[in-house]
Each structure stands twice: as structure tokens, then as C-alpha cells.
Amino acid sequence: QVQLVESGGGLVQPGGSLRLSCAASGSIFSINAMGWYRQAPGKERELVAGITRAGSTNYVDSVKGRFTISRDNAKRTVSLEMNSLKPEDTAVYYCNANVVKNWGDNGMDYWGKGTLVTVSS
């Protein structure tokens, strides 16, 4: 009933930029926090950036100053602008959203299927 679809992943050279986007659709009343997670080979999945409904943001230290998360509540999208990319940014990036499906319900987490970002020469 709720789907999150990521786009924008791909291959980029070190120092380059990519913009990831995620669109939420389905039975949605509202969306609380949204975020981008990533998982690199051999590593745990980590929260890269999060954003509240009101626009407050939080970033993992390793991407501060390089990545910017934003959202459009009307369009139900969240984006991650990634600049000055490093090889260590290589990972599958997952969109997450805490979705309220009906008025008065608690939010539930939904996940996208992931999009691969490869930073390499």
C-alpha cells in the first residue's frame, strides 16, 4: 500500500556529485521523519541523513558538509544531494519514511529497495 522508490544512483568519479531522490506513494495520510541509509559491503547499515516533517536535519559525521537532505512534503519526496563523493561513500542507499496511513495512527517505517552508488575512477 505504501511504496518508496529511489532513483539517481549510479557510477561517479571521486569528487563528483549525485542526487538521489525518493518518492513515496500509496495510502499515506502524512509522513513523519524521512531519511537515507546506506550499507556498504561488510558494513552495518547506517543512517546517513534524516529530516523531520518540519525540516530539521541530522547527518552522520562522515558526510557533514558534503551531503544535503531535503524534502518536499507536498510531493512526498526526499532527496539527498551528495557532493565531493569519496570511494568510501560507495554503498547501496535506502530511502526510509515513517508513514502515518490514517489519522490517529502511529507511524510505521517503510523502506525503498535501494539504489547503488559507486564512487570509483
N, C-alpha and C. Protein backbone atom coordinates (compact mmCIF):
# COMPACT_ATOMS: atom_id res chain seq x y z
N GLN A 1 0.82 -1.21 0.00
CA GLN A 1 0.00 0.00 0.00
C GLN A 1 0.85 1.26 0.00
N VAL A 2 2.02 1.18 0.58
CA VAL A 2 2.97 2.28 0.59
C VAL A 2 4.23 1.83 -0.11
N GLN A 3 4.67 2.63 -1.03
CA GLN A 3 5.88 2.33 -1.77
C GLN A 3 6.83 3.50 -1.73
N LEU A 4 8.10 3.19 -1.59
CA LEU A 4 9.16 4.17 -1.69
C LEU A 4 10.06 3.75 -2.84
N VAL A 5 10.26 4.63 -3.77
CA VAL A 5 11.05 4.31 -4.95
C VAL A 5 12.20 5.30 -5.06
N GLU A 6 13.42 4.77 -5.00
CA GLU A 6 14.61 5.59 -5.12
C GLU A 6 15.04 5.71 -6.58
N SER A 7 15.73 6.78 -6.86
CA SER A 7 16.32 6.97 -8.17
C SER A 7 17.56 7.84 -8.03
N GLY A 8 18.40 7.78 -9.03
CA GLY A 8 19.56 8.66 -9.07
C GLY A 8 20.90 8.01 -8.79
N GLY A 9 20.90 6.76 -8.40
CA GLY A 9 22.16 6.09 -8.15
C GLY A 9 22.92 5.84 -9.43
N GLY A 10 24.18 5.50 -9.28
CA GLY A 10 24.99 5.22 -10.44
C GLY A 10 26.46 5.29 -10.11
N LEU A 11 27.25 5.33 -11.16
CA LEU A 11 28.70 5.40 -11.05
C LEU A 11 29.17 6.84 -11.19
N VAL A 12 30.00 7.26 -10.27
CA VAL A 12 30.53 8.62 -10.30
C VAL A 12 31.98 8.59 -9.87
N GLN A 13 32.76 9.51 -10.41
CA GLN A 13 34.17 9.61 -10.04
C GLN A 13 34.34 10.28 -8.69
N PRO A 14 35.43 9.96 -7.99
CA PRO A 14 35.70 10.68 -6.74
C PRO A 14 35.70 12.18 -6.97
N GLY A 15 35.10 12.89 -6.03
CA GLY A 15 34.95 14.32 -6.16
C GLY A 15 33.71 14.76 -6.89
N GLY A 16 33.03 13.82 -7.50
CA GLY A 16 31.83 14.13 -8.24
C GLY A 16 30.61 14.24 -7.36
N SER A 17 29.48 14.41 -8.01
CA SER A 17 28.22 14.62 -7.30
C SER A 17 27.12 13.74 -7.87
N LEU A 18 26.20 13.40 -7.03
CA LEU A 18 24.99 12.70 -7.41
C LEU A 18 23.84 13.22 -6.57
N ARG A 19 22.67 13.14 -7.12
CA ARG A 19 21.47 13.49 -6.39
C ARG A 19 20.53 12.30 -6.38
N LEU A 20 20.23 11.81 -5.20
CA LEU A 20 19.29 10.73 -5.04
C LEU A 20 17.92 11.30 -4.71
N SER A 21 16.91 10.66 -5.23
CA SER A 21 15.54 11.07 -4.95
C SER A 21 14.72 9.85 -4.55
N CYS A 22 13.73 10.09 -3.75
CA CYS A 22 12.83 9.04 -3.30
C CYS A 22 11.42 9.58 -3.28
N ALA A 23 10.53 8.86 -3.91
CA ALA A 23 9.14 9.25 -3.97
C ALA A 23 8.28 8.24 -3.22
N ALA A 24 7.47 8.74 -2.32
CA ALA A 24 6.54 7.90 -1.58
C ALA A 24 5.17 7.97 -2.23
N SER A 25 4.52 6.83 -2.29
CA SER A 25 3.19 6.79 -2.87
C SER A 25 2.37 5.73 -2.17
N GLY A 26 1.07 5.78 -2.38
CA GLY A 26 0.17 4.81 -1.79
C GLY A 26 -0.76 5.44 -0.78
N SER A 27 -1.19 4.63 0.16
CA SER A 27 -2.12 5.08 1.18
C SER A 27 -1.36 5.80 2.28
N ILE A 28 -1.29 7.11 2.15
CA ILE A 28 -0.49 7.94 3.06
C ILE A 28 -1.31 9.12 3.52
N PHE A 29 -1.41 9.26 4.83
CA PHE A 29 -2.01 10.45 5.40
C PHE A 29 -0.96 11.53 5.60
N SER A 30 0.15 11.14 6.19
CA SER A 30 1.25 12.06 6.39
C SER A 30 2.52 11.25 6.60
N ILE A 31 3.63 11.94 6.49
CA ILE A 31 4.93 11.31 6.68
C ILE A 31 5.67 12.06 7.77
N ASN A 32 6.11 11.32 8.76
CA ASN A 32 6.91 11.93 9.82
C ASN A 32 8.35 12.09 9.32
N ALA A 33 9.29 11.47 9.99
CA ALA A 33 10.67 11.60 9.56
C ALA A 33 10.92 10.80 8.28
N MET A 34 11.84 11.28 7.49
CA MET A 34 12.35 10.56 6.34
C MET A 34 13.86 10.54 6.44
N GLY A 35 14.45 9.59 5.79
CA GLY A 35 15.90 9.52 5.87
C GLY A 35 16.51 8.68 4.78
N TRP A 36 17.80 8.79 4.68
CA TRP A 36 18.59 7.97 3.79
C TRP A 36 19.57 7.15 4.62
N TYR A 37 19.57 5.87 4.37
CA TYR A 37 20.50 4.95 4.98
C TYR A 37 21.39 4.38 3.90
N ARG A 38 22.51 3.84 4.29
CA ARG A 38 23.36 3.17 3.33
C ARG A 38 24.01 1.95 3.96
N GLN A 39 24.34 1.02 3.11
CA GLN A 39 25.04 -0.17 3.55
C GLN A 39 26.12 -0.51 2.53
N ALA A 40 27.34 -0.47 2.99
CA ALA A 40 28.48 -0.83 2.17
C ALA A 40 28.82 -2.30 2.42
N PRO A 41 29.50 -2.93 1.48
CA PRO A 41 29.89 -4.33 1.69
C PRO A 41 30.68 -4.52 2.97
N GLY A 42 30.26 -5.47 3.77
CA GLY A 42 30.95 -5.77 5.00
C GLY A 42 30.68 -4.82 6.15
N LYS A 43 29.79 -3.88 5.95
CA LYS A 43 29.49 -2.91 6.99
C LYS A 43 28.01 -2.95 7.38
N GLU A 44 27.73 -2.43 8.55
CA GLU A 44 26.36 -2.32 9.01
C GLU A 44 25.65 -1.18 8.29
N ARG A 45 24.34 -1.33 8.15
CA ARG A 45 23.57 -0.24 7.61
C ARG A 45 23.59 0.94 8.58
N GLU A 46 23.79 2.12 8.05
CA GLU A 46 23.87 3.30 8.88
C GLU A 46 22.97 4.40 8.36
N LEU A 47 22.51 5.21 9.27
CA LEU A 47 21.75 6.39 8.90
C LEU A 47 22.70 7.44 8.37
N VAL A 48 22.48 7.85 7.15
CA VAL A 48 23.31 8.88 6.54
C VAL A 48 22.77 10.26 6.85
N ALA A 49 21.49 10.44 6.65
CA ALA A 49 20.86 11.73 6.87
C ALA A 49 19.39 11.53 7.17
N GLY A 50 18.88 12.32 8.07
CA GLY A 50 17.47 12.27 8.40
C GLY A 50 16.88 13.66 8.39
N ILE A 51 15.58 13.72 8.18
CA ILE A 51 14.90 15.01 8.15
C ILE A 51 13.50 14.83 8.70
N THR A 52 13.12 15.73 9.59
CA THR A 52 11.78 15.68 10.17
C THR A 52 10.78 16.32 9.22
N ARG A 53 9.52 16.20 9.57
CA ARG A 53 8.48 16.82 8.77
C ARG A 53 8.67 18.32 8.66
N ALA A 54 9.15 18.92 9.73
CA ALA A 54 9.34 20.36 9.76
C ALA A 54 10.64 20.80 9.10
N GLY A 55 11.51 19.85 8.76
CA GLY A 55 12.71 20.20 8.06
C GLY A 55 13.99 20.18 8.87
N SER A 56 13.94 19.77 10.12
CA SER A 56 15.17 19.63 10.89
C SER A 56 15.97 18.46 10.37
N THR A 57 17.27 18.63 10.26
CA THR A 57 18.12 17.62 9.65
C THR A 57 19.19 17.13 10.59
N ASN A 58 19.68 15.95 10.29
CA ASN A 58 20.77 15.35 11.03
C ASN A 58 21.58 14.50 10.07
N TYR A 59 22.90 14.52 10.23
CA TYR A 59 23.79 13.81 9.34
C TYR A 59 24.81 13.01 10.13
N VAL A 60 25.19 11.89 9.58
CA VAL A 60 26.32 11.18 10.13
C VAL A 60 27.58 12.03 9.90
N ASP A 61 28.50 11.97 10.83
CA ASP A 61 29.65 12.86 10.79
C ASP A 61 30.42 12.78 9.47
N SER A 62 30.51 11.60 8.90
CA SER A 62 31.33 11.41 7.72
C SER A 62 30.82 12.13 6.48
N VAL A 63 29.57 12.59 6.49
CA VAL A 63 29.03 13.26 5.31
C VAL A 63 28.69 14.72 5.58
N LYS A 64 28.87 15.18 6.79
CA LYS A 64 28.56 16.56 7.11
C LYS A 64 29.38 17.51 6.24
N GLY A 65 28.71 18.49 5.69
CA GLY A 65 29.36 19.44 4.82
C GLY A 65 29.42 19.00 3.37
N ARG A 66 29.12 17.75 3.10
CA ARG A 66 29.15 17.23 1.73
C ARG A 66 27.77 16.85 1.21
N PHE A 67 26.93 16.32 2.08
CA PHE A 67 25.60 15.87 1.69
C PHE A 67 24.55 16.82 2.24
N THR A 68 23.47 16.95 1.51
CA THR A 68 22.34 17.74 1.95
C THR A 68 21.05 16.98 1.71
N ILE A 69 20.27 16.82 2.75
CA ILE A 69 18.98 16.16 2.62
C ILE A 69 17.89 17.22 2.57
N SER A 70 16.89 16.97 1.78
CA SER A 70 15.77 17.89 1.68
C SER A 70 14.50 17.09 1.40
N ARG A 71 13.38 17.71 1.61
CA ARG A 71 12.12 17.03 1.33
C ARG A 71 11.09 18.02 0.82
N ASP A 72 10.15 17.48 0.10
CA ASP A 72 9.02 18.24 -0.40
C ASP A 72 7.78 17.52 0.11
N ASN A 73 7.16 18.09 1.12
CA ASN A 73 6.03 17.42 1.74
C ASN A 73 4.83 17.29 0.80
N ALA A 74 4.65 18.28 -0.05
CA ALA A 74 3.54 18.23 -0.99
C ALA A 74 3.73 17.12 -2.01
N LYS A 75 4.96 16.95 -2.48
CA LYS A 75 5.25 15.92 -3.45
C LYS A 75 5.58 14.58 -2.82
N ARG A 76 5.74 14.56 -1.52
CA ARG A 76 6.09 13.35 -0.79
C ARG A 76 7.40 12.76 -1.29
N THR A 77 8.37 13.62 -1.42
CA THR A 77 9.67 13.19 -1.87
C THR A 77 10.75 13.63 -0.88
N VAL A 78 11.82 12.90 -0.88
CA VAL A 78 13.01 13.26 -0.13
C VAL A 78 14.20 13.06 -1.05
N SER A 79 15.15 13.96 -0.96
CA SER A 79 16.31 13.92 -1.83
C SER A 79 17.58 13.98 -1.00
N LEU A 80 18.64 13.49 -1.59
CA LEU A 80 19.95 13.57 -0.97
C LEU A 80 20.93 14.05 -2.01
N GLU A 81 21.39 15.27 -1.85
CA GLU A 81 22.41 15.83 -2.71
C GLU A 81 23.77 15.45 -2.15
N MET A 82 24.54 14.74 -2.94
CA MET A 82 25.83 14.24 -2.50
C MET A 82 26.93 14.91 -3.32
N ASN A 83 27.79 15.61 -2.65
CA ASN A 83 28.90 16.30 -3.29
C ASN A 83 30.22 15.79 -2.75
N SER A 84 31.28 16.07 -3.49
CA SER A 84 32.63 15.67 -3.08
C SER A 84 32.67 14.20 -2.68
N LEU A 85 32.11 13.39 -3.53
CA LEU A 85 31.97 11.98 -3.21
C LEU A 85 33.32 11.29 -3.10
N LYS A 86 33.39 10.37 -2.18
CA LYS A 86 34.59 9.60 -1.90
C LYS A 86 34.33 8.12 -2.15
N PRO A 87 35.37 7.36 -2.43
CA PRO A 87 35.17 5.92 -2.61
C PRO A 87 34.47 5.26 -1.43
N GLU A 88 34.72 5.74 -0.24
CA GLU A 88 34.08 5.17 0.93
C GLU A 88 32.59 5.46 1.02
N ASP A 89 32.08 6.32 0.15
CA ASP A 89 30.65 6.54 0.06
C ASP A 89 29.95 5.46 -0.74
N THR A 90 30.71 4.60 -1.38
CA THR A 90 30.13 3.52 -2.16
C THR A 90 29.27 2.63 -1.28
N ALA A 91 28.03 2.47 -1.66
CA ALA A 91 27.08 1.69 -0.87
C ALA A 91 25.76 1.63 -1.61
N VAL A 92 24.91 0.75 -1.12
CA VAL A 92 23.51 0.79 -1.52
C VAL A 92 22.81 1.77 -0.59
N TYR A 93 22.14 2.73 -1.16
CA TYR A 93 21.45 3.74 -0.39
C TYR A 93 19.96 3.44 -0.37
N TYR A 94 19.40 3.48 0.83
CA TYR A 94 18.00 3.13 1.03
C TYR A 94 17.22 4.33 1.55
N CYS A 95 16.08 4.55 0.98
CA CYS A 95 15.16 5.56 1.45
C CYS A 95 14.29 4.98 2.56
N ASN A 96 14.07 5.77 3.58
CA ASN A 96 13.21 5.36 4.68
C ASN A 96 12.20 6.47 4.98
N ALA A 97 10.99 6.07 5.32
CA ALA A 97 9.98 7.03 5.71
C ALA A 97 9.11 6.44 6.79
N ASN A 98 8.82 7.25 7.79
CA ASN A 98 7.86 6.86 8.82
C ASN A 98 6.52 7.41 8.41
N VAL A 99 5.62 6.52 8.04
CA VAL A 99 4.38 6.89 7.37
C VAL A 99 3.18 6.70 8.29
N VAL A 100 2.36 7.71 8.38
CA VAL A 100 1.06 7.62 9.03
C VAL A 100 0.03 7.39 7.94
N LYS A 101 -0.60 6.25 7.95
CA LYS A 101 -1.53 5.92 6.88
C LYS A 101 -2.92 6.51 7.10
N ASN A 102 -3.32 6.62 8.35
CA ASN A 102 -4.63 7.17 8.69
C ASN A 102 -4.51 8.09 9.89
N TRP A 103 -5.40 9.06 9.95
CA TRP A 103 -5.43 9.99 11.07
C TRP A 103 -5.49 9.24 12.39
N GLY A 104 -4.60 9.59 13.31
CA GLY A 104 -4.58 8.98 14.62
C GLY A 104 -3.71 7.76 14.75
N ASP A 105 -3.26 7.21 13.64
CA ASP A 105 -2.38 6.05 13.68
C ASP A 105 -0.97 6.45 14.06
N ASN A 106 -0.26 5.51 14.63
CA ASN A 106 1.17 5.69 14.80
C ASN A 106 1.87 5.46 13.47
N GLY A 107 3.00 6.10 13.31
CA GLY A 107 3.75 5.92 12.09
C GLY A 107 4.42 4.56 12.04
N MET A 108 4.59 4.08 10.83
CA MET A 108 5.30 2.84 10.58
C MET A 108 6.40 3.08 9.55
N ASP A 109 7.50 2.40 9.73
CA ASP A 109 8.62 2.57 8.81
C ASP A 109 8.42 1.78 7.53
N TYR A 110 8.76 2.43 6.43
CA TYR A 110 8.77 1.80 5.13
C TYR A 110 10.12 2.06 4.49
N TRP A 111 10.51 1.14 3.64
CA TRP A 111 11.83 1.19 3.03
C TRP A 111 11.75 1.04 1.53
N GLY A 112 12.60 1.77 0.85
CA GLY A 112 12.79 1.53 -0.56
C GLY A 112 13.66 0.32 -0.79
N LYS A 113 13.75 -0.11 -2.02
CA LYS A 113 14.54 -1.28 -2.35
C LYS A 113 16.03 -0.99 -2.45
N GLY A 114 16.40 0.26 -2.51
CA GLY A 114 17.79 0.65 -2.54
C GLY A 114 18.27 1.02 -3.93
N THR A 115 19.24 1.89 -3.96
CA THR A 115 19.88 2.27 -5.21
C THR A 115 21.39 2.31 -4.98
N LEU A 116 22.13 1.74 -5.91
CA LEU A 116 23.57 1.59 -5.73
C LEU A 116 24.30 2.84 -6.17
N VAL A 117 25.16 3.32 -5.30
CA VAL A 117 26.06 4.41 -5.60
C VAL A 117 27.48 3.87 -5.57
N THR A 118 28.17 4.00 -6.68
CA THR A 118 29.55 3.54 -6.77
C THR A 118 30.44 4.73 -7.09
N VAL A 119 31.40 4.97 -6.23
CA VAL A 119 32.34 6.08 -6.40
C VAL A 119 33.70 5.46 -6.73
N SER A 120 34.10 5.62 -7.96
CA SER A 120 35.32 4.97 -8.41
C SER A 120 35.84 5.64 -9.67
N SER A 121 37.16 5.58 -9.83
CA SER A 121 37.78 6.06 -11.06
C SER A 121 37.78 4.99 -12.14
